[in-house]
N, C-alpha and C. Protein backbone atom coordinates (compact mmCIF):
# COMPACT_ATOMS: atom_id res chain seq x y z
N UNK A 1 -46.00 46.34 72.86
CA UNK A 1 -46.48 47.51 73.75
C UNK A 1 -45.44 47.72 74.76
N UNK A 2 -44.86 49.05 74.93
CA UNK A 2 -43.90 49.18 76.06
C UNK A 2 -44.66 49.75 77.19
N UNK A 3 -43.81 50.16 78.34
CA UNK A 3 -44.53 50.57 79.61
C UNK A 3 -45.09 51.99 79.37
N UNK A 4 -44.37 52.85 78.58
CA UNK A 4 -45.05 54.19 78.28
C UNK A 4 -46.42 54.09 77.57
N UNK A 5 -46.47 53.32 76.67
CA UNK A 5 -47.62 53.10 75.91
C UNK A 5 -48.80 52.51 76.83
N UNK A 6 -48.46 51.50 77.64
CA UNK A 6 -49.42 50.95 78.57
C UNK A 6 -49.93 51.95 79.45
N UNK A 7 -49.04 52.81 79.91
CA UNK A 7 -49.45 53.91 80.94
C UNK A 7 -50.36 54.97 80.36
N UNK A 8 -50.08 55.38 78.98
CA UNK A 8 -50.77 56.22 78.25
C UNK A 8 -52.26 55.71 77.92
N UNK A 9 -52.18 54.38 77.65
CA UNK A 9 -53.49 53.67 77.43
C UNK A 9 -54.46 53.86 78.65
N UNK A 10 -54.00 53.46 79.74
CA UNK A 10 -54.75 53.52 80.95
C UNK A 10 -55.24 54.95 81.32
N UNK A 11 -54.37 55.82 81.11
CA UNK A 11 -54.61 57.18 81.39
C UNK A 11 -55.76 57.77 80.36
N UNK A 12 -55.73 57.20 79.24
CA UNK A 12 -56.71 57.64 78.09
C UNK A 12 -58.09 56.88 78.34
N UNK A 13 -57.90 55.68 78.83
CA UNK A 13 -59.16 55.07 79.15
C UNK A 13 -59.92 55.80 80.42
N UNK A 14 -59.10 56.22 81.39
CA UNK A 14 -59.82 56.85 82.51
C UNK A 14 -60.34 58.22 82.11
N UNK A 15 -59.67 58.86 81.16
CA UNK A 15 -60.22 60.14 80.62
C UNK A 15 -61.51 59.95 79.79
N UNK A 16 -61.49 58.95 78.96
CA UNK A 16 -62.75 58.71 78.29
C UNK A 16 -63.84 58.23 79.08
N UNK A 17 -63.55 57.38 80.15
CA UNK A 17 -64.71 56.78 81.05
C UNK A 17 -65.27 58.12 81.74
N UNK A 18 -64.34 59.03 82.24
CA UNK A 18 -64.71 60.10 82.97
C UNK A 18 -65.65 60.90 82.04
N UNK A 19 -65.45 61.14 80.80
CA UNK A 19 -66.14 61.86 79.95
C UNK A 19 -67.51 61.35 79.54
N UNK A 20 -67.54 60.02 79.57
CA UNK A 20 -68.73 59.09 79.25
C UNK A 20 -69.47 58.48 80.40
N UNK A 21 -69.03 58.77 81.45
CA UNK A 21 -69.69 58.09 82.77
C UNK A 21 -71.11 58.30 82.74
N UNK A 22 -71.63 59.41 82.49
CA UNK A 22 -72.97 59.76 82.67
C UNK A 22 -73.80 58.88 81.68
N UNK A 23 -73.18 58.86 80.31
CA UNK A 23 -73.92 58.13 79.25
C UNK A 23 -73.93 56.55 79.69
N UNK A 24 -72.71 56.12 80.15
CA UNK A 24 -72.78 54.67 80.60
C UNK A 24 -73.73 54.43 81.59
N UNK A 25 -73.85 55.24 82.56
CA UNK A 25 -74.85 55.13 83.58
C UNK A 25 -76.16 55.09 83.13
N UNK A 26 -76.64 55.94 82.25
CA UNK A 26 -77.98 56.09 81.63
C UNK A 26 -78.22 54.72 80.90
N UNK A 27 -77.21 54.35 80.13
CA UNK A 27 -77.47 53.07 79.42
C UNK A 27 -77.80 51.95 80.42
N UNK A 28 -77.04 52.05 81.54
CA UNK A 28 -77.15 50.87 82.44
C UNK A 28 -78.43 51.04 83.26
N UNK A 29 -78.85 52.19 83.48
CA UNK A 29 -80.17 52.48 84.00
C UNK A 29 -81.30 51.80 83.26
N UNK A 30 -81.21 51.71 82.02
CA UNK A 30 -82.28 51.23 81.18
C UNK A 30 -82.40 49.69 81.26
N UNK A 31 -81.28 49.03 81.51
CA UNK A 31 -81.38 47.57 81.55
C UNK A 31 -80.64 46.81 82.64
N UNK A 32 -79.96 47.80 83.53
CA UNK A 32 -79.18 46.97 84.65
C UNK A 32 -79.30 47.82 85.93
N UNK A 33 -78.28 47.90 86.66
CA UNK A 33 -78.39 48.52 88.07
C UNK A 33 -78.17 50.07 87.93
N UNK A 34 -77.71 50.62 86.84
CA UNK A 34 -77.65 52.00 86.76
C UNK A 34 -76.35 52.59 87.38
N UNK A 35 -75.28 51.61 87.47
CA UNK A 35 -74.04 52.04 88.17
C UNK A 35 -72.98 51.92 87.37
N UNK A 36 -73.12 51.55 86.10
CA UNK A 36 -71.86 51.07 85.29
C UNK A 36 -70.88 52.30 85.10
N UNK A 37 -71.33 53.37 84.75
CA UNK A 37 -70.45 54.44 84.45
C UNK A 37 -69.73 54.91 85.87
N UNK A 38 -70.48 54.99 86.95
CA UNK A 38 -69.97 55.46 88.18
C UNK A 38 -68.81 54.51 88.62
N UNK A 39 -69.20 53.19 88.42
CA UNK A 39 -68.20 52.18 88.95
C UNK A 39 -66.87 52.12 88.12
N UNK A 40 -67.00 52.31 86.79
CA UNK A 40 -65.87 52.24 86.01
C UNK A 40 -65.03 53.51 86.05
N UNK A 41 -65.72 54.63 86.39
CA UNK A 41 -64.96 55.82 86.68
C UNK A 41 -64.08 55.72 87.88
N UNK A 42 -64.78 55.25 89.00
CA UNK A 42 -63.99 54.96 90.20
C UNK A 42 -62.88 54.10 90.03
N UNK A 43 -63.07 53.01 89.28
CA UNK A 43 -62.08 51.92 89.14
C UNK A 43 -60.83 52.49 88.35
N UNK A 44 -61.10 53.17 87.19
CA UNK A 44 -59.87 53.68 86.49
C UNK A 44 -59.27 54.84 86.94
N UNK A 45 -60.07 55.61 87.67
CA UNK A 45 -59.24 56.73 88.55
C UNK A 45 -58.42 56.17 89.43
N UNK A 46 -58.88 54.97 90.16
CA UNK A 46 -58.11 54.38 91.23
C UNK A 46 -56.83 53.75 90.50
N UNK A 47 -57.09 53.19 89.29
CA UNK A 47 -56.04 52.62 88.54
C UNK A 47 -54.87 53.61 88.16
N UNK A 48 -55.30 54.76 87.82
CA UNK A 48 -54.36 55.82 87.57
C UNK A 48 -53.56 56.33 88.62
N UNK A 49 -54.24 56.47 89.77
CA UNK A 49 -53.75 56.82 91.04
C UNK A 49 -52.62 55.78 91.36
N UNK A 50 -52.96 54.47 91.42
CA UNK A 50 -52.23 53.50 91.73
C UNK A 50 -50.93 53.43 90.92
N UNK A 51 -51.10 53.60 89.66
CA UNK A 51 -49.78 53.59 88.72
C UNK A 51 -48.91 54.83 88.90
N UNK A 52 -49.53 55.95 89.54
CA UNK A 52 -48.58 57.10 89.72
C UNK A 52 -47.37 56.66 90.57
N UNK A 53 -47.66 55.84 91.50
CA UNK A 53 -46.58 55.50 92.49
C UNK A 53 -45.95 54.22 92.36
N UNK A 54 -46.25 53.54 91.23
CA UNK A 54 -46.02 52.04 90.84
C UNK A 54 -44.75 52.03 90.04
N UNK A 55 -43.89 51.27 90.64
CA UNK A 55 -42.60 51.08 89.78
C UNK A 55 -42.74 49.87 89.09
N UNK A 56 -42.99 49.92 87.82
CA UNK A 56 -43.21 48.76 86.77
C UNK A 56 -42.07 48.39 86.16
N UNK A 57 -42.05 47.17 85.68
CA UNK A 57 -40.89 46.51 84.96
C UNK A 57 -41.23 46.35 83.57
N UNK A 58 -42.32 46.94 83.10
CA UNK A 58 -42.76 46.79 81.69
C UNK A 58 -44.22 47.01 81.56
N UNK A 59 -44.73 46.82 80.35
CA UNK A 59 -46.17 46.93 80.03
C UNK A 59 -46.92 46.03 80.82
N UNK A 60 -46.47 44.76 80.85
CA UNK A 60 -47.21 43.66 81.59
C UNK A 60 -47.43 44.02 82.99
N UNK A 61 -46.50 44.58 83.67
CA UNK A 61 -46.74 45.09 85.18
C UNK A 61 -47.76 46.08 85.15
N UNK A 62 -47.74 47.07 84.24
CA UNK A 62 -48.75 48.19 84.28
C UNK A 62 -50.13 47.62 84.17
N UNK A 63 -50.30 46.74 83.19
CA UNK A 63 -51.64 46.14 82.93
C UNK A 63 -52.12 45.22 84.00
N UNK A 64 -51.12 44.44 84.41
CA UNK A 64 -51.60 43.65 85.60
C UNK A 64 -52.00 44.40 86.73
N UNK A 65 -51.28 45.36 87.14
CA UNK A 65 -51.73 46.36 88.21
C UNK A 65 -53.00 47.07 88.06
N UNK A 66 -53.22 47.36 86.83
CA UNK A 66 -54.62 47.89 86.54
C UNK A 66 -55.63 46.92 86.85
N UNK A 67 -55.39 45.73 86.31
CA UNK A 67 -56.48 44.57 86.54
C UNK A 67 -56.68 44.36 87.99
N UNK A 68 -55.60 44.24 88.74
CA UNK A 68 -55.78 44.11 90.22
C UNK A 68 -56.50 45.14 90.84
N UNK A 69 -56.13 46.46 90.57
CA UNK A 69 -56.98 47.57 91.04
C UNK A 69 -58.40 47.55 90.78
N UNK A 70 -58.70 47.28 89.40
CA UNK A 70 -60.09 47.16 89.10
C UNK A 70 -60.91 46.02 89.78
N UNK A 71 -60.29 45.04 90.10
CA UNK A 71 -60.86 43.87 90.75
C UNK A 71 -61.16 44.44 92.26
N UNK A 72 -60.32 45.23 92.87
CA UNK A 72 -60.60 45.68 94.25
C UNK A 72 -61.55 46.90 94.32
N UNK A 73 -61.65 47.62 93.26
CA UNK A 73 -62.28 48.96 93.38
C UNK A 73 -63.53 49.07 92.70
N UNK A 74 -63.83 48.28 91.73
CA UNK A 74 -65.12 48.28 90.80
C UNK A 74 -66.15 47.33 91.45
N UNK A 75 -67.34 47.84 91.68
CA UNK A 75 -68.36 46.97 91.95
C UNK A 75 -68.99 46.28 90.87
N UNK A 76 -70.15 45.51 91.15
CA UNK A 76 -70.86 44.79 90.14
C UNK A 76 -70.03 43.81 89.44
N UNK A 77 -70.56 43.48 88.21
CA UNK A 77 -69.89 42.56 87.34
C UNK A 77 -68.66 43.20 86.72
N UNK A 78 -68.65 44.35 86.54
CA UNK A 78 -67.56 45.17 85.80
C UNK A 78 -66.19 44.83 86.42
N UNK A 79 -66.11 44.96 87.64
CA UNK A 79 -64.80 44.86 88.36
C UNK A 79 -63.99 43.47 87.95
N UNK A 80 -64.87 42.33 88.39
CA UNK A 80 -64.23 41.07 88.01
C UNK A 80 -63.93 40.88 86.43
N UNK A 81 -64.82 41.36 85.62
CA UNK A 81 -64.64 41.14 84.14
C UNK A 81 -63.49 41.88 83.57
N UNK A 82 -63.46 43.13 83.93
CA UNK A 82 -62.39 43.98 83.46
C UNK A 82 -61.01 43.77 84.10
N UNK A 83 -61.19 43.39 85.33
CA UNK A 83 -59.99 43.04 86.05
C UNK A 83 -59.39 41.83 85.45
N UNK A 84 -60.28 40.84 85.05
CA UNK A 84 -59.65 39.60 84.54
C UNK A 84 -58.96 39.86 83.15
N UNK A 85 -59.67 40.70 82.44
CA UNK A 85 -59.16 41.16 81.13
C UNK A 85 -57.77 41.62 81.22
N UNK A 86 -57.61 42.70 82.05
CA UNK A 86 -56.37 43.39 82.19
C UNK A 86 -55.20 42.48 82.76
N UNK A 87 -55.68 41.74 83.87
CA UNK A 87 -54.57 40.68 84.43
C UNK A 87 -54.11 39.69 83.45
N UNK A 88 -55.09 39.16 82.67
CA UNK A 88 -54.63 38.25 81.54
C UNK A 88 -53.59 38.91 80.55
N UNK A 89 -54.05 40.04 80.03
CA UNK A 89 -53.18 40.98 79.25
C UNK A 89 -51.82 41.00 79.90
N UNK A 90 -51.69 41.55 81.08
CA UNK A 90 -50.46 41.68 81.79
C UNK A 90 -49.74 40.34 81.92
N UNK A 91 -50.31 39.43 82.38
CA UNK A 91 -49.66 38.07 82.53
C UNK A 91 -49.06 37.64 81.27
N UNK A 92 -49.78 37.82 80.14
CA UNK A 92 -49.23 37.37 78.85
C UNK A 92 -47.99 38.13 78.38
N UNK A 93 -48.06 39.51 78.61
CA UNK A 93 -46.95 40.35 78.19
C UNK A 93 -45.75 40.04 79.13
N UNK A 94 -45.94 39.74 80.43
CA UNK A 94 -44.89 39.42 81.17
C UNK A 94 -44.07 38.17 80.80
N UNK A 95 -44.93 37.21 80.27
CA UNK A 95 -44.46 36.01 79.74
C UNK A 95 -43.95 36.04 78.36
N UNK A 96 -43.84 37.37 77.80
CA UNK A 96 -43.26 37.62 76.56
C UNK A 96 -44.05 37.22 75.47
N UNK A 97 -45.48 37.21 75.63
CA UNK A 97 -46.41 36.85 74.58
C UNK A 97 -46.66 38.15 73.88
N UNK A 98 -47.39 37.99 72.73
CA UNK A 98 -47.72 39.35 71.95
C UNK A 98 -49.00 39.78 72.55
N UNK A 99 -49.21 41.08 72.13
CA UNK A 99 -50.55 41.73 72.63
C UNK A 99 -51.90 41.18 72.06
N UNK A 100 -51.66 40.54 70.92
CA UNK A 100 -52.74 39.79 70.35
C UNK A 100 -53.01 38.61 71.16
N UNK A 101 -52.10 38.01 71.64
CA UNK A 101 -52.18 36.70 72.37
C UNK A 101 -52.70 37.13 73.91
N UNK A 102 -52.33 38.26 74.28
CA UNK A 102 -52.92 38.80 75.63
C UNK A 102 -54.35 39.20 75.48
N UNK A 103 -54.67 39.69 74.32
CA UNK A 103 -56.24 40.07 74.18
C UNK A 103 -56.89 38.79 74.16
N UNK A 104 -56.54 37.70 73.47
CA UNK A 104 -57.13 36.39 73.47
C UNK A 104 -57.33 35.76 74.82
N UNK A 105 -56.23 35.82 75.56
CA UNK A 105 -56.25 35.39 76.87
C UNK A 105 -57.20 36.18 77.72
N UNK A 106 -57.31 37.61 77.47
CA UNK A 106 -58.28 38.34 78.28
C UNK A 106 -59.79 37.90 77.95
N UNK A 107 -59.92 37.61 76.58
CA UNK A 107 -61.31 37.29 76.20
C UNK A 107 -61.70 35.81 76.79
N UNK A 108 -60.72 34.96 76.70
CA UNK A 108 -60.93 33.50 77.24
C UNK A 108 -61.30 33.71 78.78
N UNK A 109 -60.50 34.59 79.53
CA UNK A 109 -60.87 34.73 80.86
C UNK A 109 -62.15 35.26 81.17
N UNK A 110 -62.58 36.38 80.42
CA UNK A 110 -63.78 36.83 80.57
C UNK A 110 -65.00 35.98 80.25
N UNK A 111 -64.86 35.14 79.31
CA UNK A 111 -65.83 34.22 78.94
C UNK A 111 -65.92 33.05 79.83
N UNK A 112 -64.84 32.61 80.39
CA UNK A 112 -64.89 31.69 81.41
C UNK A 112 -65.46 32.11 82.78
N UNK A 113 -65.36 33.30 83.13
CA UNK A 113 -65.93 33.87 84.30
C UNK A 113 -67.35 34.27 84.07
N UNK A 114 -67.75 34.72 82.90
CA UNK A 114 -69.10 35.30 82.75
C UNK A 114 -69.98 34.31 81.88
N UNK A 115 -69.40 33.27 81.32
CA UNK A 115 -69.99 32.18 80.61
C UNK A 115 -70.88 32.74 79.45
N UNK A 116 -70.53 33.93 78.88
CA UNK A 116 -71.18 34.63 77.71
C UNK A 116 -70.49 34.33 76.46
N UNK A 117 -71.29 34.34 75.42
CA UNK A 117 -70.79 34.21 74.11
C UNK A 117 -71.42 35.37 73.25
N UNK A 118 -70.84 35.47 72.05
CA UNK A 118 -71.35 36.57 71.17
C UNK A 118 -72.95 36.34 70.94
N UNK A 119 -73.66 37.36 71.16
CA UNK A 119 -75.17 37.34 70.88
C UNK A 119 -75.89 37.27 72.22
N UNK A 120 -75.12 37.26 73.34
CA UNK A 120 -75.79 37.25 74.61
C UNK A 120 -76.02 38.64 75.11
N UNK A 121 -75.51 39.71 74.49
CA UNK A 121 -75.75 41.01 74.85
C UNK A 121 -74.89 41.40 76.03
N UNK A 122 -73.63 41.19 75.90
CA UNK A 122 -72.68 41.49 76.99
C UNK A 122 -71.45 42.22 76.35
N UNK A 123 -70.56 42.47 77.06
CA UNK A 123 -69.29 43.03 76.72
C UNK A 123 -68.53 42.04 75.58
N UNK A 124 -68.84 40.86 75.69
CA UNK A 124 -68.20 39.88 74.79
C UNK A 124 -68.74 40.14 73.27
N UNK A 125 -69.84 40.82 73.09
CA UNK A 125 -70.19 41.08 71.75
C UNK A 125 -69.36 42.18 71.15
N UNK A 126 -68.61 43.14 71.92
CA UNK A 126 -67.72 44.01 71.46
C UNK A 126 -66.24 43.38 71.53
N UNK A 127 -65.96 42.58 72.61
CA UNK A 127 -64.52 42.25 72.77
C UNK A 127 -64.16 41.16 71.92
N UNK A 128 -65.01 40.14 71.62
CA UNK A 128 -64.59 39.15 70.68
C UNK A 128 -64.30 39.48 69.25
N UNK A 129 -65.17 40.41 68.67
CA UNK A 129 -64.73 40.82 67.37
C UNK A 129 -63.55 41.64 67.31
N UNK A 130 -63.30 42.39 68.36
CA UNK A 130 -62.04 43.28 68.55
C UNK A 130 -60.84 42.38 68.60
N UNK A 131 -60.84 41.39 69.40
CA UNK A 131 -59.88 40.41 69.48
C UNK A 131 -59.42 39.81 68.11
N UNK A 132 -60.48 39.48 67.49
CA UNK A 132 -60.27 38.78 66.13
C UNK A 132 -59.79 39.72 65.17
N UNK A 133 -60.18 41.10 65.15
CA UNK A 133 -59.73 41.92 64.27
C UNK A 133 -58.34 42.40 64.49
N UNK A 134 -57.86 42.53 65.82
CA UNK A 134 -56.57 42.84 66.10
C UNK A 134 -55.54 41.72 65.63
N UNK A 135 -55.97 40.54 65.80
CA UNK A 135 -55.05 39.41 65.40
C UNK A 135 -54.96 39.41 63.87
N UNK A 136 -56.09 39.69 63.15
CA UNK A 136 -55.96 39.66 61.60
C UNK A 136 -55.09 40.84 61.16
N UNK A 137 -55.06 42.01 61.80
CA UNK A 137 -54.46 43.09 61.39
C UNK A 137 -53.04 43.28 62.10
N UNK A 138 -52.72 42.29 62.84
CA UNK A 138 -51.28 42.47 63.58
C UNK A 138 -50.15 42.66 62.79
N UNK A 139 -50.20 41.90 61.54
CA UNK A 139 -49.05 42.01 60.61
C UNK A 139 -48.92 43.40 60.03
N UNK A 140 -49.96 44.24 60.12
CA UNK A 140 -49.80 45.74 59.60
C UNK A 140 -49.38 46.61 60.61
N UNK A 141 -48.96 46.15 61.63
CA UNK A 141 -48.47 47.05 62.81
C UNK A 141 -49.40 47.25 63.85
N UNK A 142 -48.86 47.81 64.95
CA UNK A 142 -49.69 48.00 66.27
C UNK A 142 -50.86 49.02 65.97
N UNK A 143 -50.53 50.02 65.35
CA UNK A 143 -51.51 51.11 65.11
C UNK A 143 -52.78 50.68 64.36
N UNK A 144 -52.38 50.00 63.17
CA UNK A 144 -53.45 49.45 62.36
C UNK A 144 -54.23 48.43 63.01
N UNK A 145 -53.56 47.47 63.78
CA UNK A 145 -54.31 46.51 64.59
C UNK A 145 -55.30 47.20 65.51
N UNK A 146 -54.79 48.11 66.32
CA UNK A 146 -55.54 48.60 67.37
C UNK A 146 -56.83 49.42 66.76
N UNK A 147 -56.56 50.04 65.65
CA UNK A 147 -57.75 50.76 64.88
C UNK A 147 -58.66 49.70 64.41
N UNK A 148 -58.17 48.55 63.86
CA UNK A 148 -59.25 47.56 63.52
C UNK A 148 -59.93 47.02 64.62
N UNK A 149 -59.31 46.79 65.76
CA UNK A 149 -59.98 46.38 66.95
C UNK A 149 -60.97 47.37 67.47
N UNK A 150 -60.63 48.74 67.38
CA UNK A 150 -61.56 49.75 67.88
C UNK A 150 -62.80 49.73 66.95
N UNK A 151 -62.61 49.58 65.70
CA UNK A 151 -63.85 49.65 64.74
C UNK A 151 -64.61 48.47 64.88
N UNK A 152 -64.03 47.26 65.10
CA UNK A 152 -64.81 46.09 65.33
C UNK A 152 -65.65 46.10 66.68
N UNK A 153 -64.98 46.62 67.72
CA UNK A 153 -65.64 46.81 68.95
C UNK A 153 -66.87 47.77 68.83
N UNK A 154 -66.62 48.81 68.27
CA UNK A 154 -67.66 49.77 68.03
C UNK A 154 -68.83 49.07 67.24
N UNK A 155 -68.64 48.44 66.31
CA UNK A 155 -69.68 47.73 65.45
C UNK A 155 -70.33 46.82 66.39
N UNK A 156 -69.56 45.99 67.18
CA UNK A 156 -70.06 44.98 68.08
C UNK A 156 -71.04 45.53 69.12
N UNK A 157 -70.73 46.70 69.57
CA UNK A 157 -71.34 47.42 70.61
C UNK A 157 -72.78 47.89 69.97
N UNK A 158 -72.72 48.35 68.73
CA UNK A 158 -73.93 48.84 68.09
C UNK A 158 -74.85 47.63 67.86
N UNK A 159 -74.28 46.41 67.52
CA UNK A 159 -75.04 45.32 67.17
C UNK A 159 -75.84 44.68 68.27
N UNK A 160 -75.48 45.15 69.66
CA UNK A 160 -76.22 44.70 70.61
C UNK A 160 -77.62 45.29 70.87
N UNK A 161 -77.90 46.50 70.17
CA UNK A 161 -79.09 47.11 70.30
C UNK A 161 -80.35 46.24 70.03
N UNK A 162 -80.43 45.51 68.97
CA UNK A 162 -81.64 44.65 68.73
C UNK A 162 -81.59 43.27 69.40
N UNK A 163 -80.70 43.05 70.21
CA UNK A 163 -80.50 41.62 70.79
C UNK A 163 -81.23 41.67 72.19
N UNK A 164 -81.84 40.51 72.51
CA UNK A 164 -82.37 40.22 73.75
C UNK A 164 -81.42 39.67 74.66
N UNK A 165 -81.28 40.37 75.94
CA UNK A 165 -80.03 39.87 76.95
C UNK A 165 -80.27 38.53 77.30
N UNK A 166 -79.29 37.84 77.37
CA UNK A 166 -79.37 36.42 77.88
C UNK A 166 -78.43 36.09 79.00
N UNK A 167 -77.75 37.08 79.43
CA UNK A 167 -76.85 37.03 80.60
C UNK A 167 -76.89 38.25 81.42
N UNK A 168 -76.60 38.23 82.57
CA UNK A 168 -76.64 39.42 83.50
C UNK A 168 -77.95 39.83 83.87
N UNK A 169 -77.90 41.06 84.58
CA UNK A 169 -79.07 41.59 85.06
C UNK A 169 -80.21 41.83 84.09
N UNK A 170 -79.56 42.33 82.82
CA UNK A 170 -80.52 42.77 81.75
C UNK A 170 -81.35 41.52 81.28
N UNK A 171 -80.75 40.32 81.63
CA UNK A 171 -81.62 39.11 81.05
C UNK A 171 -82.96 38.86 81.75
N UNK A 172 -83.07 39.54 82.97
CA UNK A 172 -84.30 39.56 83.73
C UNK A 172 -85.49 40.28 83.02
N UNK A 173 -84.93 41.16 82.18
CA UNK A 173 -85.99 42.03 81.56
C UNK A 173 -86.60 41.28 80.43
N UNK A 174 -86.17 40.23 79.85
CA UNK A 174 -86.61 39.50 78.75
C UNK A 174 -86.75 40.43 77.43
N UNK A 175 -87.71 40.46 76.78
CA UNK A 175 -87.83 41.29 75.60
C UNK A 175 -87.77 42.81 75.77
N UNK A 176 -87.84 43.28 76.96
CA UNK A 176 -87.67 44.67 77.42
C UNK A 176 -86.31 44.98 77.23
N UNK A 177 -85.35 44.13 77.15
CA UNK A 177 -83.84 44.53 77.03
C UNK A 177 -83.65 44.80 75.55
N UNK A 178 -84.49 44.43 74.61
CA UNK A 178 -84.38 44.78 73.18
C UNK A 178 -84.48 46.22 72.97
N UNK A 179 -83.62 46.79 72.01
CA UNK A 179 -83.73 48.24 71.69
C UNK A 179 -82.74 49.10 72.48
N UNK A 180 -81.92 48.54 73.38
CA UNK A 180 -81.00 49.21 74.17
C UNK A 180 -79.53 48.72 73.85
N UNK A 181 -78.55 49.51 73.72
CA UNK A 181 -77.18 49.09 73.69
C UNK A 181 -76.62 48.49 74.86
N UNK A 182 -75.90 47.52 74.91
CA UNK A 182 -75.35 46.99 76.13
C UNK A 182 -74.31 47.82 76.72
N UNK A 183 -74.46 48.21 77.95
CA UNK A 183 -73.47 49.11 78.66
C UNK A 183 -72.07 48.54 78.54
N UNK A 184 -71.86 47.19 78.91
CA UNK A 184 -70.61 46.71 78.98
C UNK A 184 -69.93 46.67 77.47
N UNK A 185 -70.73 46.38 76.54
CA UNK A 185 -70.09 46.35 75.18
C UNK A 185 -69.87 47.91 74.75
N UNK A 186 -70.61 48.77 75.26
CA UNK A 186 -70.20 50.16 75.00
C UNK A 186 -68.95 50.64 75.69
N UNK A 187 -68.82 50.24 76.95
CA UNK A 187 -67.44 50.62 77.58
C UNK A 187 -66.33 49.94 77.02
N UNK A 188 -66.51 48.65 76.57
CA UNK A 188 -65.50 47.94 75.84
C UNK A 188 -64.97 48.69 74.66
N UNK A 189 -66.00 49.20 73.81
CA UNK A 189 -65.54 49.83 72.70
C UNK A 189 -64.86 51.13 73.11
N UNK A 190 -65.17 51.83 74.29
CA UNK A 190 -64.36 52.99 74.66
C UNK A 190 -62.90 52.62 74.97
N UNK A 191 -62.67 51.41 75.53
CA UNK A 191 -61.31 50.90 75.91
C UNK A 191 -60.50 50.81 74.59
N UNK A 192 -61.16 50.13 73.63
CA UNK A 192 -60.45 49.87 72.31
C UNK A 192 -60.17 51.15 71.57
N UNK A 193 -61.21 52.05 71.56
CA UNK A 193 -60.89 53.47 70.98
C UNK A 193 -59.81 54.11 71.63
N UNK A 194 -59.63 54.02 72.89
CA UNK A 194 -58.52 54.66 73.58
C UNK A 194 -57.24 54.10 73.12
N UNK A 195 -57.15 52.74 73.17
CA UNK A 195 -55.94 52.15 72.63
C UNK A 195 -55.68 52.36 71.27
N UNK A 196 -56.52 52.56 70.40
CA UNK A 196 -56.25 53.05 68.94
C UNK A 196 -55.66 54.47 68.93
N UNK A 197 -56.29 55.20 69.80
CA UNK A 197 -55.86 56.74 69.79
C UNK A 197 -54.40 56.86 70.29
N UNK A 198 -54.15 56.12 71.31
CA UNK A 198 -52.69 56.31 72.05
C UNK A 198 -51.72 55.59 71.07
N UNK A 199 -52.09 54.37 70.48
CA UNK A 199 -51.22 53.62 69.56
C UNK A 199 -50.83 54.46 68.27
N UNK A 200 -51.88 55.13 67.85
CA UNK A 200 -51.83 55.87 66.57
C UNK A 200 -50.81 57.01 66.92
N UNK A 201 -51.00 57.86 67.95
CA UNK A 201 -50.08 58.95 68.33
C UNK A 201 -48.78 58.31 68.46
N UNK A 202 -48.64 57.35 68.99
CA UNK A 202 -47.35 56.69 69.34
C UNK A 202 -46.50 56.46 67.99
N UNK A 203 -47.21 55.72 67.12
CA UNK A 203 -46.61 55.36 65.85
C UNK A 203 -46.22 56.53 64.96
N UNK A 204 -47.07 57.62 65.21
CA UNK A 204 -46.73 58.83 64.33
C UNK A 204 -45.53 59.66 64.79
N UNK A 205 -44.87 59.29 65.86
CA UNK A 205 -43.80 60.04 66.32
C UNK A 205 -42.59 59.77 65.70
């Protein structure tokens, strides 16, 4: 991933989050604080604004700056979790690691912070299969790997509907959390879908 693609990805995420903010907030209202969409929209709008005047030395700098901005601008659990993801991605790329390695580092950081595993009805349910799918398809090129990750994340988000939450505020609802998609998993799927879109367009040039 080069700097231009990283910037395009964050811009696409911001656009997607703006379009889906009300839906994400409605999902969160059912089993959480009801602020997920609002918080993410604020965070990614701030990230785009910060990047406008940011002189980066590569994709790693862009993603690291995004993570730092999310940490400072997004409330609730989303800020630390998504901030950790993007900062880990950025650090890995700055150290000349692969994007697949960066995604894995991001997942590791998120799980260390949130103590969640697949099945707990959190964003990990979308992120973990996406990371695995990207790594498995990496040999087929960035576009194919990103599309595989997006598809896996979407399926992971859908799979949270019948789960009972075991982490986060939704866990307080017990069985009443069953039947609702997890907002974090849903927004994670949006992130990966945006990555697939911009990577696909970039590879088609």
